[in-house]
Amino acid sequence: MKTNLLKSVVLVASLLGALGSASAETLHARIPFGFSAGGQAMPAGDYSIRTIPNVPYVLLFENETTKMQAIVFVRSGMSAPTKPATPLMFTSGAGET
């Protein structure tokens, strides 16, 4: 449970940096582990992650295969990152990358 929560927090924080200046764009990500978003269990897979127009600080996660969706409310820091987001790397508890 703590592992999924930590992974979700890292994922959302990284996505905020990527989506901060591109509110109308959709981010595509392959998430290689099951995670929890908005209190809903989401399976591993390919996701589109986007903001909802005219609704600040809300992300919509959609599994591209199952079309399962989750809405996530996020908080941003006081200042936006000044450099571009770096690629994410996920490591499972079994050491898989």
N, C-alpha and C. Protein backbone atom coordinates (compact mmCIF):
# COMPACT_ATOMS: atom_id res chain seq x y z
N MET A 1 0.82 -1.19 0.00
CA MET A 1 0.00 0.00 0.00
C MET A 1 0.87 1.26 0.00
N LYS A 2 1.88 1.30 0.90
CA LYS A 2 2.77 2.45 0.94
C LYS A 2 3.54 2.60 -0.37
N THR A 3 3.93 1.45 -0.95
CA THR A 3 4.69 1.49 -2.20
C THR A 3 3.85 2.11 -3.32
N ASN A 4 2.59 1.69 -3.46
CA ASN A 4 1.72 2.26 -4.48
C ASN A 4 1.48 3.74 -4.24
N LEU A 5 1.28 4.13 -2.99
CA LEU A 5 1.07 5.53 -2.67
C LEU A 5 2.30 6.35 -3.03
N LEU A 6 3.48 5.86 -2.68
CA LEU A 6 4.71 6.57 -3.00
C LEU A 6 4.90 6.69 -4.51
N LYS A 7 4.67 5.60 -5.23
CA LYS A 7 4.80 5.63 -6.69
C LYS A 7 3.81 6.61 -7.29
N SER A 8 2.59 6.64 -6.78
CA SER A 8 1.57 7.57 -7.29
C SER A 8 1.96 9.01 -7.04
N VAL A 9 2.48 9.30 -5.86
CA VAL A 9 2.90 10.66 -5.54
C VAL A 9 4.02 11.10 -6.45
N VAL A 10 5.01 10.23 -6.67
CA VAL A 10 6.13 10.56 -7.56
C VAL A 10 5.62 10.76 -8.98
N LEU A 11 4.72 9.92 -9.41
CA LEU A 11 4.17 10.02 -10.77
C LEU A 11 3.42 11.33 -10.94
N VAL A 12 2.54 11.66 -10.02
CA VAL A 12 1.75 12.89 -10.14
C VAL A 12 2.66 14.12 -10.07
N ALA A 13 3.64 14.12 -9.18
CA ALA A 13 4.55 15.26 -9.08
C ALA A 13 5.32 15.45 -10.38
N SER A 14 5.77 14.37 -10.97
CA SER A 14 6.50 14.46 -12.24
C SER A 14 5.60 14.93 -13.36
N LEU A 15 4.37 14.45 -13.35
CA LEU A 15 3.43 14.86 -14.39
C LEU A 15 3.06 16.32 -14.29
N LEU A 16 2.98 16.83 -13.07
CA LEU A 16 2.69 18.25 -12.90
C LEU A 16 3.76 19.09 -13.57
N GLY A 17 5.00 18.70 -13.42
CA GLY A 17 6.08 19.42 -14.08
C GLY A 17 5.96 19.36 -15.59
N ALA A 18 5.57 18.21 -16.10
CA ALA A 18 5.43 18.04 -17.55
C ALA A 18 4.22 18.77 -18.10
N LEU A 19 3.15 18.84 -17.32
CA LEU A 19 1.91 19.45 -17.80
C LEU A 19 1.76 20.91 -17.39
N GLY A 20 2.65 21.40 -16.55
CA GLY A 20 2.50 22.75 -16.02
C GLY A 20 2.35 23.82 -17.08
N SER A 21 3.13 23.76 -18.13
CA SER A 21 3.07 24.79 -19.15
C SER A 21 2.31 24.33 -20.39
N ALA A 22 1.80 23.13 -20.39
CA ALA A 22 1.12 22.59 -21.57
C ALA A 22 -0.26 22.09 -21.19
N SER A 23 -1.11 23.00 -20.75
CA SER A 23 -2.39 22.60 -20.19
C SER A 23 -3.32 21.95 -21.21
N ALA A 24 -3.15 22.20 -22.49
CA ALA A 24 -4.06 21.63 -23.48
C ALA A 24 -3.51 20.34 -24.09
N GLU A 25 -2.34 19.91 -23.68
CA GLU A 25 -1.73 18.72 -24.26
C GLU A 25 -2.04 17.47 -23.46
N THR A 26 -1.88 16.35 -24.12
CA THR A 26 -2.05 15.05 -23.47
C THR A 26 -0.69 14.38 -23.39
N LEU A 27 -0.40 13.84 -22.22
CA LEU A 27 0.84 13.12 -21.99
C LEU A 27 0.53 11.63 -22.10
N HIS A 28 1.36 10.88 -22.80
CA HIS A 28 1.19 9.43 -22.91
C HIS A 28 2.30 8.77 -22.11
N ALA A 29 1.91 7.79 -21.28
CA ALA A 29 2.89 7.12 -20.43
C ALA A 29 2.59 5.64 -20.35
N ARG A 30 3.64 4.83 -20.36
CA ARG A 30 3.51 3.39 -20.09
C ARG A 30 3.88 3.20 -18.63
N ILE A 31 2.92 2.82 -17.82
CA ILE A 31 3.13 2.63 -16.39
C ILE A 31 3.19 1.13 -16.15
N PRO A 32 4.38 0.61 -15.77
CA PRO A 32 4.59 -0.84 -15.73
C PRO A 32 4.15 -1.52 -14.43
N PHE A 33 3.32 -0.87 -13.64
CA PHE A 33 2.86 -1.46 -12.39
C PHE A 33 1.46 -0.95 -12.10
N GLY A 34 0.71 -1.70 -11.32
CA GLY A 34 -0.59 -1.25 -10.87
C GLY A 34 -0.39 -0.12 -9.87
N PHE A 35 -1.31 0.84 -9.85
CA PHE A 35 -1.18 1.98 -8.95
C PHE A 35 -2.57 2.45 -8.55
N SER A 36 -2.61 3.37 -7.63
CA SER A 36 -3.87 3.94 -7.17
C SER A 36 -3.92 5.40 -7.59
N ALA A 37 -5.02 5.81 -8.21
CA ALA A 37 -5.19 7.19 -8.63
C ALA A 37 -6.61 7.63 -8.25
N GLY A 38 -6.71 8.68 -7.49
CA GLY A 38 -8.02 9.16 -7.08
C GLY A 38 -8.79 8.14 -6.27
N GLY A 39 -8.07 7.30 -5.52
CA GLY A 39 -8.71 6.29 -4.71
C GLY A 39 -9.18 5.06 -5.47
N GLN A 40 -8.81 4.97 -6.74
CA GLN A 40 -9.23 3.85 -7.59
C GLN A 40 -8.00 3.06 -8.01
N ALA A 41 -8.07 1.73 -7.92
CA ALA A 41 -6.96 0.88 -8.35
C ALA A 41 -6.91 0.85 -9.87
N MET A 42 -5.75 1.15 -10.42
CA MET A 42 -5.55 1.18 -11.87
C MET A 42 -4.53 0.11 -12.25
N PRO A 43 -4.79 -0.61 -13.34
CA PRO A 43 -3.83 -1.65 -13.75
C PRO A 43 -2.64 -1.06 -14.49
N ALA A 44 -1.58 -1.84 -14.57
CA ALA A 44 -0.43 -1.44 -15.38
C ALA A 44 -0.89 -1.30 -16.83
N GLY A 45 -0.23 -0.43 -17.57
CA GLY A 45 -0.58 -0.30 -18.99
C GLY A 45 -0.22 1.06 -19.54
N ASP A 46 -0.73 1.34 -20.74
CA ASP A 46 -0.50 2.61 -21.42
C ASP A 46 -1.61 3.57 -21.03
N TYR A 47 -1.21 4.79 -20.65
CA TYR A 47 -2.16 5.79 -20.17
C TYR A 47 -2.02 7.09 -20.92
N SER A 48 -3.14 7.78 -21.09
CA SER A 48 -3.12 9.18 -21.51
C SER A 48 -3.46 9.96 -20.25
N ILE A 49 -2.71 11.02 -20.02
CA ILE A 49 -2.89 11.84 -18.83
C ILE A 49 -3.02 13.27 -19.31
N ARG A 50 -4.13 13.89 -18.93
CA ARG A 50 -4.35 15.25 -19.42
C ARG A 50 -5.08 16.07 -18.35
N THR A 51 -5.00 17.38 -18.52
CA THR A 51 -5.74 18.27 -17.65
C THR A 51 -7.16 18.38 -18.20
N ILE A 52 -8.06 18.81 -17.37
CA ILE A 52 -9.44 19.04 -17.79
C ILE A 52 -9.57 20.54 -18.06
N PRO A 53 -10.03 20.93 -19.25
CA PRO A 53 -10.11 22.36 -19.59
C PRO A 53 -10.90 23.16 -18.55
N ASN A 54 -10.36 24.31 -18.19
CA ASN A 54 -10.98 25.25 -17.25
C ASN A 54 -11.15 24.71 -15.84
N VAL A 55 -10.47 23.63 -15.51
CA VAL A 55 -10.50 23.08 -14.16
C VAL A 55 -9.04 22.93 -13.70
N PRO A 56 -8.54 23.93 -12.98
CA PRO A 56 -7.13 23.87 -12.58
C PRO A 56 -6.88 22.77 -11.55
N TYR A 57 -5.69 22.23 -11.62
CA TYR A 57 -5.21 21.25 -10.65
C TYR A 57 -6.00 19.94 -10.64
N VAL A 58 -6.47 19.53 -11.79
CA VAL A 58 -7.15 18.25 -11.92
C VAL A 58 -6.55 17.52 -13.12
N LEU A 59 -6.19 16.25 -12.93
CA LEU A 59 -5.67 15.42 -14.02
C LEU A 59 -6.63 14.27 -14.27
N LEU A 60 -6.77 13.90 -15.52
CA LEU A 60 -7.58 12.74 -15.90
C LEU A 60 -6.64 11.66 -16.41
N PHE A 61 -6.60 10.53 -15.72
CA PHE A 61 -5.82 9.37 -16.14
C PHE A 61 -6.77 8.44 -16.88
N GLU A 62 -6.40 8.01 -18.10
CA GLU A 62 -7.23 7.06 -18.85
C GLU A 62 -6.37 5.94 -19.40
N ASN A 63 -6.73 4.70 -19.04
CA ASN A 63 -6.03 3.54 -19.57
C ASN A 63 -6.42 3.42 -21.04
N GLU A 64 -5.46 3.41 -21.93
CA GLU A 64 -5.75 3.43 -23.36
C GLU A 64 -6.34 2.12 -23.86
N THR A 65 -6.16 1.02 -23.13
CA THR A 65 -6.70 -0.27 -23.54
C THR A 65 -8.10 -0.49 -22.98
N THR A 66 -8.24 -0.33 -21.66
CA THR A 66 -9.51 -0.62 -21.01
C THR A 66 -10.45 0.58 -20.95
N LYS A 67 -9.93 1.77 -21.22
CA LYS A 67 -10.67 3.04 -21.14
C LYS A 67 -11.08 3.37 -19.71
N MET A 68 -10.51 2.68 -18.72
CA MET A 68 -10.77 2.98 -17.31
C MET A 68 -10.20 4.36 -17.01
N GLN A 69 -10.96 5.19 -16.27
CA GLN A 69 -10.54 6.56 -15.99
C GLN A 69 -10.51 6.82 -14.49
N ALA A 70 -9.65 7.76 -14.10
CA ALA A 70 -9.58 8.24 -12.73
C ALA A 70 -9.27 9.72 -12.76
N ILE A 71 -9.95 10.47 -11.90
CA ILE A 71 -9.70 11.90 -11.77
C ILE A 71 -8.87 12.10 -10.52
N VAL A 72 -7.79 12.87 -10.66
CA VAL A 72 -6.86 13.10 -9.56
C VAL A 72 -6.76 14.60 -9.31
N PHE A 73 -7.01 15.01 -8.08
CA PHE A 73 -6.84 16.40 -7.68
C PHE A 73 -5.40 16.56 -7.20
N VAL A 74 -4.74 17.60 -7.67
CA VAL A 74 -3.33 17.78 -7.34
C VAL A 74 -3.09 19.18 -6.77
N ARG A 75 -2.00 19.29 -6.02
CA ARG A 75 -1.56 20.59 -5.53
C ARG A 75 -0.21 20.89 -6.15
N SER A 76 -0.01 22.11 -6.53
CA SER A 76 1.29 22.48 -7.09
C SER A 76 2.09 23.22 -6.04
N GLY A 77 3.40 23.22 -6.23
CA GLY A 77 4.27 23.96 -5.33
C GLY A 77 4.13 25.46 -5.57
N MET A 78 4.86 26.22 -4.82
CA MET A 78 4.79 27.68 -4.94
C MET A 78 5.30 28.16 -6.29
N SER A 79 6.29 27.49 -6.85
CA SER A 79 6.83 27.92 -8.13
C SER A 79 6.94 26.73 -9.07
N ALA A 80 6.76 27.00 -10.33
CA ALA A 80 6.87 25.96 -11.35
C ALA A 80 8.34 25.64 -11.60
N PRO A 81 8.63 24.40 -12.02
CA PRO A 81 10.03 24.06 -12.32
C PRO A 81 10.55 24.92 -13.47
N THR A 82 11.83 25.28 -13.40
CA THR A 82 12.40 26.13 -14.43
C THR A 82 13.06 25.33 -15.53
N LYS A 83 13.29 24.05 -15.31
CA LYS A 83 13.89 23.23 -16.35
C LYS A 83 12.91 22.15 -16.79
N PRO A 84 13.06 21.62 -18.00
CA PRO A 84 12.13 20.59 -18.49
C PRO A 84 12.15 19.34 -17.61
N ALA A 85 11.04 18.64 -17.60
CA ALA A 85 10.93 17.40 -16.83
C ALA A 85 11.87 16.35 -17.42
N THR A 86 12.41 15.50 -16.56
CA THR A 86 13.27 14.42 -17.02
C THR A 86 12.45 13.14 -17.12
N PRO A 87 12.91 12.17 -17.90
CA PRO A 87 12.17 10.90 -18.02
C PRO A 87 12.04 10.22 -16.66
N LEU A 88 10.95 9.48 -16.51
CA LEU A 88 10.71 8.75 -15.27
C LEU A 88 11.23 7.33 -15.39
N MET A 89 11.75 6.78 -14.30
CA MET A 89 12.13 5.39 -14.24
C MET A 89 11.46 4.80 -13.02
N PHE A 90 10.79 3.67 -13.21
CA PHE A 90 10.09 2.99 -12.13
C PHE A 90 10.81 1.70 -11.81
N THR A 91 10.96 1.42 -10.54
CA THR A 91 11.57 0.17 -10.10
C THR A 91 10.60 -0.52 -9.17
N SER A 92 10.32 -1.79 -9.44
CA SER A 92 9.41 -2.54 -8.59
C SER A 92 10.15 -3.01 -7.34
N GLY A 93 9.40 -3.51 -6.36
CA GLY A 93 10.02 -4.02 -5.15
C GLY A 93 10.92 -5.21 -5.42
N ALA A 94 10.70 -5.90 -6.56
CA ALA A 94 11.52 -7.06 -6.91
C ALA A 94 12.78 -6.64 -7.67
N GLY A 95 13.00 -5.34 -7.83
CA GLY A 95 14.20 -4.87 -8.50
C GLY A 95 14.07 -4.76 -10.01
N GLU A 96 12.88 -4.98 -10.57
CA GLU A 96 12.68 -4.87 -11.99
C GLU A 96 12.59 -3.39 -12.36
N THR A 97 13.11 -3.03 -13.53
CA THR A 97 13.06 -1.65 -13.99
C THR A 97 12.25 -1.56 -15.26
